[in-house]
Amino acid sequence: MSASSHDSSHEWYAIRVKSRCEKMVSDQLLQKGYEQFLPMYLSRRLWTDRVKVLQLPLFSGYTFCRFDIEKRLAILRTPGVVGIVGKGRVPVPVDPRQVEAVRLAVASGQQVKPWTGLHEGQKVRVELGPLRGVVGTLLRYKNASQLILQVDLMQRAMSVEVDETWVVPCEQSVPVVQVAPAVPVVDAAQYELAQVS
């Protein structure tokens, strides 16, 4: 395959994969030279004799891949791939801002986990910290503020814990301190003279 077929200027697509094959498919796509992104999270599982920490896919059954949609056959022939997410039989690219938001959240060092339900909440923009610029929905869950990030095309979402002081409502911009124009200082004697004349 030519290097141009794996150019990073191509759009991101969500790849539907067989159950529990996300890592295998991502590794194969990487070996083929494609830019892929498999967001993972840490999950504590209680077994009868111990607690085990597992690294699991954030979006079960999906991985992301950047490629030329006209040359998608190599992707579709990858073992474990079910298909490319789209509308009907037409593959639709994932909004790159959503992929970048997920990438930033995973790389932030904050706790991330799958979010099972999409709930109405206030849209906010992160203004401080490692997630600066990311837009999501703010919710409170288990006494912590969670920023819900969704990938619309896949109808999936994730949460990342944030400090509420980092965010502002999307409609509101960062508060700007405006300086009033300079007012000449007049002492009381000058004021009285001005009043008399």
N, C-alpha and C. Protein backbone atom coordinates (compact mmCIF):
# COMPACT_ATOMS: atom_id res chain seq x y z
N MET A 1 0.84 -1.19 0.00
CA MET A 1 0.00 0.00 0.00
C MET A 1 0.87 1.23 0.00
N SER A 2 0.41 2.24 -0.69
CA SER A 2 1.19 3.46 -0.76
C SER A 2 1.00 4.29 0.49
N ALA A 3 1.99 5.10 0.80
CA ALA A 3 1.92 5.96 1.98
C ALA A 3 0.79 6.96 1.86
N SER A 4 0.46 7.35 0.64
CA SER A 4 -0.60 8.34 0.45
C SER A 4 -1.98 7.81 0.84
N SER A 5 -2.15 6.47 0.81
CA SER A 5 -3.45 5.92 1.19
C SER A 5 -3.67 5.99 2.69
N HIS A 6 -2.61 6.27 3.45
CA HIS A 6 -2.72 6.35 4.90
C HIS A 6 -2.40 7.76 5.38
N ASP A 7 -2.65 8.73 4.53
CA ASP A 7 -2.36 10.14 4.85
C ASP A 7 -3.24 10.62 6.00
N SER A 8 -2.64 11.40 6.91
CA SER A 8 -3.39 11.89 8.07
C SER A 8 -4.38 12.99 7.69
N SER A 9 -4.43 13.38 6.41
CA SER A 9 -5.41 14.38 5.99
C SER A 9 -6.77 13.73 5.73
N HIS A 10 -6.83 12.40 5.75
CA HIS A 10 -8.11 11.71 5.55
C HIS A 10 -8.98 11.84 6.80
N GLU A 11 -10.25 11.56 6.62
CA GLU A 11 -11.19 11.71 7.72
C GLU A 11 -11.19 10.47 8.62
N TRP A 12 -11.68 10.68 9.85
CA TRP A 12 -11.82 9.59 10.82
C TRP A 12 -13.14 8.88 10.58
N TYR A 13 -13.12 7.55 10.67
CA TYR A 13 -14.32 6.75 10.58
C TYR A 13 -14.38 5.82 11.78
N ALA A 14 -15.59 5.52 12.22
CA ALA A 14 -15.80 4.55 13.29
C ALA A 14 -15.94 3.18 12.64
N ILE A 15 -15.15 2.24 13.11
CA ILE A 15 -15.17 0.88 12.57
C ILE A 15 -15.90 -0.01 13.58
N ARG A 16 -16.94 -0.69 13.13
CA ARG A 16 -17.66 -1.64 13.99
C ARG A 16 -16.92 -2.96 13.91
N VAL A 17 -16.61 -3.52 15.08
CA VAL A 17 -15.84 -4.77 15.13
C VAL A 17 -16.60 -5.83 15.91
N LYS A 18 -16.19 -7.08 15.75
CA LYS A 18 -16.79 -8.18 16.50
C LYS A 18 -16.52 -7.98 17.99
N SER A 19 -17.39 -8.51 18.79
CA SER A 19 -17.27 -8.41 20.24
C SER A 19 -15.90 -8.91 20.72
N ARG A 20 -15.28 -8.11 21.54
CA ARG A 20 -13.98 -8.41 22.16
C ARG A 20 -12.83 -8.52 21.15
N CYS A 21 -12.99 -7.91 19.99
CA CYS A 21 -11.93 -7.94 18.97
C CYS A 21 -11.34 -6.55 18.73
N GLU A 22 -11.69 -5.57 19.57
CA GLU A 22 -11.26 -4.19 19.34
C GLU A 22 -9.74 -4.06 19.28
N LYS A 23 -9.04 -4.64 20.24
CA LYS A 23 -7.58 -4.53 20.31
C LYS A 23 -6.92 -5.25 19.13
N MET A 24 -7.42 -6.42 18.80
CA MET A 24 -6.86 -7.19 17.68
C MET A 24 -7.01 -6.42 16.37
N VAL A 25 -8.20 -5.84 16.14
CA VAL A 25 -8.44 -5.10 14.91
C VAL A 25 -7.56 -3.85 14.87
N SER A 26 -7.47 -3.13 15.98
CA SER A 26 -6.63 -1.92 16.02
C SER A 26 -5.18 -2.25 15.74
N ASP A 27 -4.69 -3.35 16.30
CA ASP A 27 -3.30 -3.76 16.05
C ASP A 27 -3.09 -4.10 14.57
N GLN A 28 -4.05 -4.78 13.96
CA GLN A 28 -3.94 -5.14 12.54
C GLN A 28 -3.96 -3.89 11.66
N LEU A 29 -4.84 -2.94 11.99
CA LEU A 29 -4.89 -1.70 11.20
C LEU A 29 -3.58 -0.93 11.32
N LEU A 30 -3.01 -0.93 12.51
CA LEU A 30 -1.72 -0.27 12.73
C LEU A 30 -0.62 -0.96 11.91
N GLN A 31 -0.62 -2.29 11.89
CA GLN A 31 0.35 -3.04 11.10
C GLN A 31 0.21 -2.77 9.61
N LYS A 32 -1.00 -2.50 9.18
CA LYS A 32 -1.23 -2.18 7.76
C LYS A 32 -0.84 -0.75 7.44
N GLY A 33 -0.49 0.03 8.46
CA GLY A 33 -0.04 1.40 8.23
C GLY A 33 -1.10 2.47 8.40
N TYR A 34 -2.27 2.09 8.91
CA TYR A 34 -3.34 3.07 9.10
C TYR A 34 -3.20 3.76 10.46
N GLU A 35 -3.64 5.01 10.51
CA GLU A 35 -3.71 5.72 11.78
C GLU A 35 -5.00 5.26 12.45
N GLN A 36 -4.86 4.63 13.60
CA GLN A 36 -6.04 4.15 14.31
C GLN A 36 -6.04 4.70 15.73
N PHE A 37 -7.19 4.67 16.36
CA PHE A 37 -7.32 5.17 17.72
C PHE A 37 -8.33 4.29 18.45
N LEU A 38 -7.85 3.57 19.45
CA LEU A 38 -8.70 2.73 20.28
C LEU A 38 -8.65 3.29 21.70
N PRO A 39 -9.62 4.12 22.07
CA PRO A 39 -9.60 4.67 23.43
C PRO A 39 -9.90 3.58 24.45
N MET A 40 -9.08 3.54 25.51
CA MET A 40 -9.20 2.52 26.54
C MET A 40 -9.41 3.18 27.90
N TYR A 41 -9.93 2.41 28.85
CA TYR A 41 -10.08 2.86 30.22
C TYR A 41 -9.75 1.70 31.16
N LEU A 42 -9.48 2.05 32.43
CA LEU A 42 -9.18 1.04 33.43
C LEU A 42 -10.44 0.71 34.20
N SER A 43 -10.69 -0.58 34.38
CA SER A 43 -11.88 -1.04 35.09
C SER A 43 -11.46 -2.02 36.18
N ARG A 44 -11.95 -1.79 37.39
CA ARG A 44 -11.68 -2.73 38.50
C ARG A 44 -12.76 -3.80 38.48
N ARG A 45 -12.34 -5.04 38.48
CA ARG A 45 -13.27 -6.17 38.50
C ARG A 45 -13.00 -7.00 39.74
N LEU A 46 -14.04 -7.29 40.48
CA LEU A 46 -13.93 -8.08 41.69
C LEU A 46 -14.11 -9.54 41.35
N TRP A 47 -13.05 -10.32 41.58
CA TRP A 47 -13.12 -11.74 41.39
C TRP A 47 -13.26 -12.36 42.76
N THR A 48 -13.50 -13.65 42.83
CA THR A 48 -13.72 -14.28 44.13
C THR A 48 -12.54 -14.14 45.08
N ASP A 49 -11.34 -14.15 44.55
CA ASP A 49 -10.15 -14.11 45.42
C ASP A 49 -9.34 -12.82 45.34
N ARG A 50 -9.68 -11.91 44.42
CA ARG A 50 -8.88 -10.68 44.28
C ARG A 50 -9.63 -9.63 43.44
N VAL A 51 -9.05 -8.44 43.43
CA VAL A 51 -9.54 -7.38 42.57
C VAL A 51 -8.54 -7.24 41.43
N LYS A 52 -9.04 -7.28 40.23
CA LYS A 52 -8.17 -7.18 39.06
C LYS A 52 -8.50 -5.90 38.30
N VAL A 53 -7.47 -5.20 37.84
CA VAL A 53 -7.65 -4.00 37.03
C VAL A 53 -7.43 -4.39 35.58
N LEU A 54 -8.46 -4.16 34.76
CA LEU A 54 -8.40 -4.51 33.35
C LEU A 54 -8.42 -3.25 32.50
N GLN A 55 -7.75 -3.30 31.37
CA GLN A 55 -7.81 -2.21 30.40
C GLN A 55 -8.81 -2.64 29.32
N LEU A 56 -9.91 -1.86 29.21
CA LEU A 56 -10.99 -2.22 28.31
C LEU A 56 -11.26 -1.09 27.31
N PRO A 57 -11.87 -1.43 26.15
CA PRO A 57 -12.22 -0.39 25.18
C PRO A 57 -13.29 0.54 25.75
N LEU A 58 -13.10 1.82 25.55
CA LEU A 58 -14.05 2.81 26.03
C LEU A 58 -15.38 2.70 25.29
N PHE A 59 -15.32 2.40 24.00
CA PHE A 59 -16.52 2.20 23.19
C PHE A 59 -16.53 0.75 22.72
N SER A 60 -17.16 -0.09 23.48
CA SER A 60 -17.18 -1.51 23.19
C SER A 60 -17.73 -1.77 21.79
N GLY A 61 -16.98 -2.55 21.01
CA GLY A 61 -17.42 -2.89 19.65
C GLY A 61 -17.00 -1.91 18.58
N TYR A 62 -16.19 -0.90 18.95
CA TYR A 62 -15.78 0.12 17.98
C TYR A 62 -14.31 0.48 18.15
N THR A 63 -13.73 0.92 17.05
CA THR A 63 -12.43 1.57 17.06
C THR A 63 -12.50 2.66 15.99
N PHE A 64 -11.57 3.58 16.03
CA PHE A 64 -11.53 4.66 15.04
C PHE A 64 -10.36 4.42 14.10
N CYS A 65 -10.54 4.82 12.85
CA CYS A 65 -9.46 4.69 11.87
C CYS A 65 -9.57 5.84 10.87
N ARG A 66 -8.42 6.33 10.47
CA ARG A 66 -8.36 7.42 9.47
C ARG A 66 -7.87 6.81 8.17
N PHE A 67 -8.68 6.99 7.11
CA PHE A 67 -8.30 6.39 5.81
C PHE A 67 -9.08 7.04 4.69
N ASP A 68 -8.65 6.75 3.47
CA ASP A 68 -9.32 7.21 2.26
C ASP A 68 -10.53 6.31 2.03
N ILE A 69 -11.71 6.87 2.11
CA ILE A 69 -12.94 6.08 2.01
C ILE A 69 -13.06 5.37 0.66
N GLU A 70 -12.44 5.91 -0.37
CA GLU A 70 -12.47 5.27 -1.69
C GLU A 70 -11.67 3.97 -1.70
N LYS A 71 -10.77 3.79 -0.73
CA LYS A 71 -9.93 2.59 -0.65
C LYS A 71 -10.23 1.82 0.64
N ARG A 72 -11.51 1.67 0.95
CA ARG A 72 -11.93 1.06 2.21
C ARG A 72 -11.92 -0.47 2.21
N LEU A 73 -11.72 -1.09 1.07
CA LEU A 73 -11.77 -2.55 0.99
C LEU A 73 -10.74 -3.21 1.92
N ALA A 74 -9.54 -2.64 2.02
CA ALA A 74 -8.52 -3.21 2.90
C ALA A 74 -8.97 -3.17 4.36
N ILE A 75 -9.73 -2.15 4.72
CA ILE A 75 -10.26 -2.05 6.08
C ILE A 75 -11.32 -3.13 6.29
N LEU A 76 -12.24 -3.23 5.33
CA LEU A 76 -13.35 -4.18 5.45
C LEU A 76 -12.88 -5.64 5.44
N ARG A 77 -11.74 -5.90 4.83
CA ARG A 77 -11.20 -7.27 4.77
C ARG A 77 -10.36 -7.63 6.00
N THR A 78 -10.18 -6.70 6.90
CA THR A 78 -9.42 -6.96 8.12
C THR A 78 -10.23 -7.91 9.01
N PRO A 79 -9.63 -9.03 9.44
CA PRO A 79 -10.36 -9.96 10.31
C PRO A 79 -10.87 -9.26 11.57
N GLY A 80 -12.14 -9.51 11.88
CA GLY A 80 -12.77 -8.91 13.05
C GLY A 80 -13.60 -7.68 12.74
N VAL A 81 -13.40 -7.10 11.56
CA VAL A 81 -14.17 -5.91 11.18
C VAL A 81 -15.55 -6.34 10.69
N VAL A 82 -16.59 -5.69 11.24
CA VAL A 82 -17.96 -5.95 10.83
C VAL A 82 -18.37 -4.96 9.74
N GLY A 83 -17.95 -3.70 9.89
CA GLY A 83 -18.30 -2.69 8.90
C GLY A 83 -17.87 -1.31 9.34
N ILE A 84 -18.17 -0.34 8.50
CA ILE A 84 -17.86 1.06 8.78
C ILE A 84 -19.18 1.73 9.14
N VAL A 85 -19.19 2.45 10.23
CA VAL A 85 -20.42 3.09 10.69
C VAL A 85 -20.84 4.18 9.71
N GLY A 86 -22.11 4.21 9.40
CA GLY A 86 -22.62 5.21 8.48
C GLY A 86 -24.13 5.25 8.52
N LYS A 87 -24.69 5.87 7.51
CA LYS A 87 -26.14 5.94 7.38
C LYS A 87 -26.53 5.01 6.25
N GLY A 88 -27.22 3.94 6.60
CA GLY A 88 -27.51 2.91 5.62
C GLY A 88 -26.21 2.22 5.23
N ARG A 89 -25.94 2.17 3.94
CA ARG A 89 -24.70 1.55 3.47
C ARG A 89 -23.63 2.58 3.14
N VAL A 90 -23.91 3.84 3.46
CA VAL A 90 -22.97 4.92 3.14
C VAL A 90 -22.15 5.28 4.38
N PRO A 91 -20.83 5.01 4.36
CA PRO A 91 -19.99 5.37 5.50
C PRO A 91 -19.99 6.89 5.72
N VAL A 92 -20.07 7.30 6.98
CA VAL A 92 -20.09 8.71 7.33
C VAL A 92 -18.91 8.98 8.26
N PRO A 93 -18.10 10.01 7.96
CA PRO A 93 -16.96 10.30 8.84
C PRO A 93 -17.43 10.81 10.20
N VAL A 94 -16.61 10.54 11.21
CA VAL A 94 -16.88 11.03 12.55
C VAL A 94 -16.39 12.47 12.62
N ASP A 95 -17.12 13.31 13.33
CA ASP A 95 -16.72 14.70 13.52
C ASP A 95 -15.33 14.72 14.15
N PRO A 96 -14.33 15.32 13.51
CA PRO A 96 -12.97 15.30 14.04
C PRO A 96 -12.85 15.97 15.41
N ARG A 97 -13.73 16.93 15.70
CA ARG A 97 -13.70 17.57 17.03
C ARG A 97 -14.10 16.58 18.11
N GLN A 98 -15.00 15.66 17.78
CA GLN A 98 -15.41 14.66 18.76
C GLN A 98 -14.29 13.64 19.00
N VAL A 99 -13.60 13.25 17.94
CA VAL A 99 -12.47 12.32 18.09
C VAL A 99 -11.38 12.99 18.92
N GLU A 100 -11.09 14.25 18.64
CA GLU A 100 -10.05 14.98 19.38
C GLU A 100 -10.45 15.16 20.85
N ALA A 101 -11.73 15.40 21.12
CA ALA A 101 -12.19 15.54 22.50
C ALA A 101 -11.99 14.23 23.27
N VAL A 102 -12.30 13.11 22.63
CA VAL A 102 -12.10 11.81 23.27
C VAL A 102 -10.61 11.57 23.49
N ARG A 103 -9.79 11.90 22.49
CA ARG A 103 -8.34 11.72 22.60
C ARG A 103 -7.77 12.54 23.76
N LEU A 104 -8.20 13.80 23.87
CA LEU A 104 -7.73 14.66 24.96
C LEU A 104 -8.18 14.14 26.32
N ALA A 105 -9.41 13.67 26.39
CA ALA A 105 -9.93 13.15 27.66
C ALA A 105 -9.14 11.92 28.11
N VAL A 106 -8.87 11.00 27.19
CA VAL A 106 -8.12 9.79 27.53
C VAL A 106 -6.70 10.14 27.95
N ALA A 107 -6.08 11.11 27.26
CA ALA A 107 -4.69 11.49 27.56
C ALA A 107 -4.56 12.41 28.77
N SER A 108 -5.68 12.91 29.29
CA SER A 108 -5.64 13.91 30.36
C SER A 108 -5.17 13.36 31.69
N GLY A 109 -5.25 12.06 31.89
CA GLY A 109 -4.89 11.49 33.18
C GLY A 109 -6.08 11.45 34.13
N GLN A 110 -7.20 12.04 33.75
CA GLN A 110 -8.41 11.97 34.57
C GLN A 110 -9.07 10.61 34.37
N GLN A 111 -9.89 10.22 35.33
CA GLN A 111 -10.60 8.94 35.22
C GLN A 111 -11.64 9.05 34.11
N VAL A 112 -11.61 8.11 33.17
CA VAL A 112 -12.60 8.05 32.11
C VAL A 112 -13.32 6.71 32.19
N LYS A 113 -14.54 6.67 31.70
CA LYS A 113 -15.30 5.42 31.67
C LYS A 113 -16.43 5.56 30.67
N PRO A 114 -16.96 4.44 30.19
CA PRO A 114 -18.10 4.53 29.28
C PRO A 114 -19.28 5.16 29.99
N TRP A 115 -20.07 5.89 29.26
CA TRP A 115 -21.28 6.49 29.82
C TRP A 115 -22.45 5.82 29.15
N THR A 116 -23.27 5.16 29.94
CA THR A 116 -24.30 4.31 29.35
C THR A 116 -25.51 5.06 28.83
N GLY A 117 -25.80 6.22 29.39
CA GLY A 117 -26.99 6.92 28.94
C GLY A 117 -26.68 8.35 28.55
N LEU A 118 -27.33 8.84 27.54
CA LEU A 118 -27.20 10.24 27.16
C LEU A 118 -28.32 11.00 27.84
N HIS A 119 -27.97 11.93 28.70
CA HIS A 119 -28.97 12.69 29.45
C HIS A 119 -28.88 14.15 29.06
N GLU A 120 -30.02 14.82 29.19
CA GLU A 120 -30.03 16.26 28.96
C GLU A 120 -29.24 16.93 30.08
N GLY A 121 -28.42 17.85 29.75
CA GLY A 121 -27.64 18.59 30.74
C GLY A 121 -27.12 19.86 30.10
N GLN A 122 -26.40 20.61 30.85
CA GLN A 122 -25.89 21.87 30.35
C GLN A 122 -24.62 21.66 29.54
N LYS A 123 -24.60 22.23 28.34
CA LYS A 123 -23.40 22.18 27.50
C LYS A 123 -22.38 23.14 28.08
N VAL A 124 -21.16 22.66 28.26
CA VAL A 124 -20.11 23.49 28.82
C VAL A 124 -18.84 23.35 27.99
N ARG A 125 -17.95 24.32 28.15
CA ARG A 125 -16.65 24.31 27.50
C ARG A 125 -15.60 24.36 28.60
N VAL A 126 -14.59 23.50 28.51
CA VAL A 126 -13.52 23.48 29.50
C VAL A 126 -12.56 24.62 29.17
N GLU A 127 -12.28 25.45 30.15
CA GLU A 127 -11.42 26.61 29.96
C GLU A 127 -10.04 26.44 30.60
N LEU A 128 -9.90 25.50 31.52
CA LEU A 128 -8.63 25.29 32.21
C LEU A 128 -8.28 23.81 32.21
N GLY A 129 -7.02 23.52 32.50
CA GLY A 129 -6.60 22.14 32.65
C GLY A 129 -6.28 21.45 31.34
N PRO A 130 -6.05 20.14 31.40
CA PRO A 130 -5.61 19.38 30.22
C PRO A 130 -6.69 19.22 29.15
N LEU A 131 -7.95 19.50 29.49
CA LEU A 131 -9.04 19.35 28.52
C LEU A 131 -9.48 20.68 27.93
N ARG A 132 -8.68 21.71 28.08
CA ARG A 132 -9.03 23.06 27.62
C ARG A 132 -9.52 23.04 26.18
N GLY A 133 -10.69 23.65 25.95
CA GLY A 133 -11.28 23.74 24.62
C GLY A 133 -12.29 22.64 24.31
N VAL A 134 -12.36 21.60 25.12
CA VAL A 134 -13.28 20.49 24.89
C VAL A 134 -14.69 20.91 25.30
N VAL A 135 -15.68 20.57 24.48
CA VAL A 135 -17.08 20.89 24.76
C VAL A 135 -17.81 19.59 25.06
N GLY A 136 -18.64 19.61 26.10
CA GLY A 136 -19.41 18.43 26.48
C GLY A 136 -20.58 18.84 27.36
N THR A 137 -21.21 17.84 27.95
CA THR A 137 -22.34 18.07 28.84
C THR A 137 -21.90 17.81 30.27
N LEU A 138 -22.20 18.72 31.17
CA LEU A 138 -21.79 18.59 32.56
C LEU A 138 -22.89 17.91 33.36
N LEU A 139 -22.51 16.84 34.08
CA LEU A 139 -23.41 16.13 34.97
C LEU A 139 -22.70 15.84 36.28
N ARG A 140 -23.49 15.60 37.31
CA ARG A 140 -22.92 15.16 38.59
C ARG A 140 -23.28 13.70 38.77
N TYR A 141 -22.28 12.91 39.12
CA TYR A 141 -22.48 11.47 39.30
C TYR A 141 -21.56 11.02 40.42
N LYS A 142 -22.14 10.41 41.44
CA LYS A 142 -21.37 9.93 42.59
C LYS A 142 -20.52 11.04 43.20
N ASN A 143 -21.13 12.18 43.46
CA ASN A 143 -20.49 13.33 44.11
C ASN A 143 -19.31 13.90 43.33
N ALA A 144 -19.27 13.69 42.04
CA ALA A 144 -18.19 14.24 41.22
C ALA A 144 -18.80 14.85 39.96
N SER A 145 -18.14 15.85 39.43
CA SER A 145 -18.58 16.47 38.17
C SER A 145 -18.01 15.65 37.02
N GLN A 146 -18.88 15.28 36.11
CA GLN A 146 -18.50 14.48 34.96
C GLN A 146 -18.79 15.28 33.69
N LEU A 147 -17.84 15.30 32.78
CA LEU A 147 -18.04 15.90 31.47
C LEU A 147 -18.38 14.74 30.54
N ILE A 148 -19.56 14.80 29.94
CA ILE A 148 -20.00 13.74 29.04
C ILE A 148 -19.63 14.15 27.62
N LEU A 149 -18.86 13.29 26.96
CA LEU A 149 -18.43 13.52 25.58
C LEU A 149 -19.11 12.45 24.73
N GLN A 150 -19.73 12.86 23.65
CA GLN A 150 -20.41 11.87 22.84
C GLN A 150 -19.89 11.88 21.41
N VAL A 151 -19.99 10.72 20.80
CA VAL A 151 -19.68 10.56 19.39
C VAL A 151 -21.04 10.29 18.74
N ASP A 152 -21.62 11.33 18.15
CA ASP A 152 -22.99 11.28 17.65
C ASP A 152 -23.23 10.13 16.68
N LEU A 153 -22.34 9.96 15.74
CA LEU A 153 -22.53 8.96 14.70
C LEU A 153 -22.66 7.55 15.28
N MET A 154 -21.89 7.26 16.33
CA MET A 154 -21.91 5.93 16.95
C MET A 154 -22.99 5.82 18.01
N GLN A 155 -23.61 6.93 18.38
CA GLN A 155 -24.57 6.98 19.47
C GLN A 155 -23.97 6.38 20.73
N ARG A 156 -22.74 6.80 21.02
CA ARG A 156 -22.02 6.36 22.21
C ARG A 156 -21.50 7.59 22.93
N ALA A 157 -21.26 7.42 24.22
CA ALA A 157 -20.74 8.53 25.02
C ALA A 157 -19.78 8.01 26.06
N MET A 158 -18.99 8.93 26.61
CA MET A 158 -18.05 8.60 27.68
C MET A 158 -18.08 9.74 28.67
N SER A 159 -17.59 9.46 29.86
CA SER A 159 -17.49 10.53 30.85
C SER A 159 -16.05 10.68 31.29
N VAL A 160 -15.68 11.90 31.64
CA VAL A 160 -14.36 12.18 32.19
C VAL A 160 -14.60 13.11 33.38
N GLU A 161 -13.94 12.79 34.48
CA GLU A 161 -14.11 13.60 35.68
C GLU A 161 -13.40 14.93 35.50
N VAL A 162 -14.09 16.02 35.84
CA VAL A 162 -13.51 17.36 35.72
C VAL A 162 -13.78 18.16 36.98
N ASP A 163 -12.95 19.14 37.18
CA ASP A 163 -13.16 20.10 38.26
C ASP A 163 -14.15 21.13 37.72
N GLU A 164 -15.24 21.36 38.45
CA GLU A 164 -16.28 22.27 37.96
C GLU A 164 -15.77 23.69 37.75
N THR A 165 -14.70 24.05 38.43
CA THR A 165 -14.17 25.39 38.25
C THR A 165 -13.45 25.54 36.92
N TRP A 166 -13.22 24.45 36.21
CA TRP A 166 -12.55 24.49 34.91
C TRP A 166 -13.50 24.86 33.78
N VAL A 167 -14.83 24.77 33.99
CA VAL A 167 -15.77 24.88 32.89
C VAL A 167 -16.62 26.15 32.96
N VAL A 168 -17.08 26.57 31.79
CA VAL A 168 -18.04 27.67 31.67
C VAL A 168 -19.14 27.21 30.72
N PRO A 169 -20.36 27.73 30.91
CA PRO A 169 -21.42 27.38 29.95
C PRO A 169 -21.04 27.80 28.54
N CYS A 170 -21.45 27.02 27.56
CA CYS A 170 -21.09 27.31 26.17
C CYS A 170 -21.58 28.67 25.71
N GLU A 171 -22.74 29.10 26.19
CA GLU A 171 -23.27 30.40 25.78
C GLU A 171 -22.45 31.54 26.36
N GLN A 172 -21.76 31.26 27.46
CA GLN A 172 -21.00 32.30 28.15
C GLN A 172 -19.55 32.23 27.72
N SER A 173 -18.98 33.36 27.45
CA SER A 173 -17.56 33.39 27.14
C SER A 173 -16.81 33.62 28.44
N VAL A 174 -15.53 33.49 28.37
CA VAL A 174 -14.70 33.72 29.54
C VAL A 174 -14.91 35.15 30.01
N PRO A 175 -15.15 35.35 31.32
CA PRO A 175 -15.37 36.71 31.80
C PRO A 175 -14.19 37.61 31.46
N VAL A 176 -14.51 38.77 30.94
CA VAL A 176 -13.47 39.73 30.59
C VAL A 176 -13.61 40.92 31.51
N VAL A 177 -12.53 41.33 32.14
CA VAL A 177 -12.54 42.49 33.01
C VAL A 177 -12.40 43.71 32.13
N GLN A 178 -13.41 44.58 32.19
CA GLN A 178 -13.35 45.80 31.39
C GLN A 178 -12.93 46.95 32.29
N VAL A 179 -12.02 47.72 31.81
CA VAL A 179 -11.54 48.88 32.57
C VAL A 179 -12.35 50.09 32.13
N ALA A 180 -12.92 50.77 33.12
CA ALA A 180 -13.71 51.97 32.82
C ALA A 180 -12.77 53.06 32.34
N PRO A 181 -13.25 53.93 31.48
CA PRO A 181 -12.40 55.02 31.02
C PRO A 181 -11.98 55.88 32.22
N ALA A 182 -10.80 56.44 32.12
CA ALA A 182 -10.27 57.24 33.22
C ALA A 182 -11.15 58.46 33.45
N VAL A 183 -11.52 58.67 34.70
CA VAL A 183 -12.33 59.82 35.09
C VAL A 183 -11.41 60.80 35.80
N PRO A 184 -11.42 62.06 35.37
CA PRO A 184 -10.51 63.00 36.04
C PRO A 184 -10.89 63.15 37.51
N VAL A 185 -9.88 63.17 38.32
CA VAL A 185 -10.09 63.33 39.76
C VAL A 185 -10.19 64.82 40.05
N VAL A 186 -11.27 65.17 40.72
CA VAL A 186 -11.50 66.57 41.06
C VAL A 186 -11.60 66.65 42.59
N ASP A 187 -10.85 67.55 43.18
CA ASP A 187 -10.97 67.67 44.63
C ASP A 187 -12.20 68.48 44.99
N ALA A 188 -12.62 68.45 46.23
CA ALA A 188 -13.86 69.08 46.68
C ALA A 188 -13.88 70.58 46.40
N ALA A 189 -12.75 71.28 46.58
CA ALA A 189 -12.70 72.73 46.37
C ALA A 189 -12.98 73.06 44.91
N GLN A 190 -12.38 72.31 43.99
CA GLN A 190 -12.63 72.56 42.57
C GLN A 190 -14.08 72.28 42.22
N TYR A 191 -14.69 71.24 42.87
CA TYR A 191 -16.07 70.88 42.61
C TYR A 191 -17.01 72.02 43.03
N GLU A 192 -16.71 72.59 44.21
CA GLU A 192 -17.56 73.69 44.70
C GLU A 192 -17.44 74.89 43.78
N LEU A 193 -16.24 75.22 43.28
CA LEU A 193 -16.05 76.33 42.37
C LEU A 193 -16.84 76.11 41.08
N ALA A 194 -16.84 74.86 40.59
CA ALA A 194 -17.56 74.55 39.37
C ALA A 194 -19.07 74.70 39.57
N GLN A 195 -19.56 74.36 40.74
CA GLN A 195 -20.98 74.47 41.02
C GLN A 195 -21.43 75.93 41.12
N VAL A 196 -20.56 76.79 41.67
CA VAL A 196 -20.90 78.22 41.85
C VAL A 196 -20.94 78.91 40.50
N SER A 197 -20.05 78.63 39.59
CA SER A 197 -19.98 79.35 38.33
C SER A 197 -20.95 78.84 37.31
